[in-house]
Amino acid sequence: MQGKRLLIALALLVALGGAIWWSDRSEKNKANQPDPKAPPKIIDIKRAEIAKIEIARAGGETTVLEIPKENEFKLTAPAVYAVDKEAAQSLLSAVSDVSSDKVVEEKPQNLDEFGLSSPRVTVTVHTKDGKSRKLKIGDDVPVGGGAFAAAEGDARVFLLGSYAKGNLDKTAADLRDKRLLRFVPETLARVTLAGKGPAIEFFKKSEGEWSITAPKPMRANNWAVEELVRKLGEAKLDPALTPEQGKDLDKQFASSSPVAKVTISGGEGSQTLELRKNKEGKFYARSSMVDGAHLLTDDVGKSFEKGLDEYRNKKLFDFGFSEPTRIEYKDEKLTLVAARSQDKWLRDGKTLDNVGVQSLIDKLRELSAVSWPEGALGAPQINLGVVSNDGKRTEKVSLAKSGEKWRAQRDGEPGLYELENSTVEDLRSAAAAVKEQEPPKPSTPAKK
């Protein structure tokens, strides 16, 4: 009896295992099969296999984008142009995977009614094996947006959504690199601006941190220099210019007054941009990277009219929004040295009122010049020090009264800063207001 039960149990176990195997296999088969509700594919090619894309427009130009190797593009027709890599990558993605919204006709009798006998746009995708796939885009659909489309070798007429159509219907103007200077901001090492006043040379010390090396070494306003670099990247050409318009821009540039000449150097080599302005206030530019003269927007053009002072760092301290670990203040009446220990500020081992210390730090952070005078500092009347960046940055500043204002000098730097008298008086008041933290008041016994 026990043997019979064992055989039955074994048979049931085998049957259960088979059922699980069959169920798992069925699920895998379902997963590998296409979703019947998914929009039908018109073109499905791996991006790495595409060697060339041709976009022919009825009665217009043919645009040819070649892809000799991965992430490399060449625009060879209607003329040879530099390529906007982001736009080219977008087109490559679009042509490799073209899905329709739906099938309009399985076996159309007349392609004329869809505008596909003489399509408005024909996209031909050439692959590295010498084969090609052609997509014809016809008339726009009457309602809802999109256009009729058909693929070579496929009898069906598809509805191509407006978004998909827009990604495919590109001209050379869409794919051109429109920048007048072609650089990657991260690899930029040096920028020279020769215009208003002496030529200014900016040197990148690290990402987002610049110094002025000419006309003499100075601290730079990093935000202002980064903004200048951003505007250089925004100087762009108009790809729709006709030859006649180009000649007119050349004449306007030749008759306009010089504004500035910018030279950049970095990973892409040395490039120059020369700017001029006419009597009506319009800005024109010539680039070493692009032929001809080009009209700039006012926003871009005006950014190159700034002088040296607008690029100098007005702040006396660089610690910015980082929290200092040590501050020093000394004048003829007060000496204050405070060090931070976790969330407390201490002076000679005694805890200071955090509110007062923070107010002093804010005043140190706000110290800003109104001008940069020549001459000497004189005998210092106030000495300041700030240690920040986990002890890696130490800054010292000396101040001396000069007439109605104050002069300041950073330790180890030759240049002077001029400050308003009210700014220094606010600093002195904040230093004088730093007090020791009051001991907690003893609790009052509850009355019985």
Foldseek 3Di string as FASTA:
>chain_A
DVVVVVVVVVVVVVVVVVVVVVVVVVVVVVVPDDDPPFFAWQAAADLQFWAKKWKDFVVDWIWIWGDNGPLDIWTPPPHTFAWDSVLVVLLSVLRNTFGFPYWPDQADPDCVVQQQVPARMKMWTATPVGDIKIKGWGDFDPPDTFGWMHIPPGRIIGGGHNVSVVSNNDDVQSTHDFALDDDDVQFWAKKWKPFPPHIWIWGDPHVLAIWTPPPHTAGWPSVLVVVLVVLNRVFGARPPDDPVNLVVQQVQQVPFAWGIKMWIAGPVGIKIKTWTAHPVGWIKIHIPVDDGIGTGDNVSRVSSNDDDVVTGFFAQDDQAPFDFQWKWKDFPPDTDIWGDDPPFIDDPRFTWDPVLVVQLVVLNRPRGFPDWDDDDQPDFGMKMWTAGPVRPDIKIKTWDDDPQWIWMDIPPDDTIGIGGPVSVVSNVVSVVPIGTDDDDDDDDDDDD
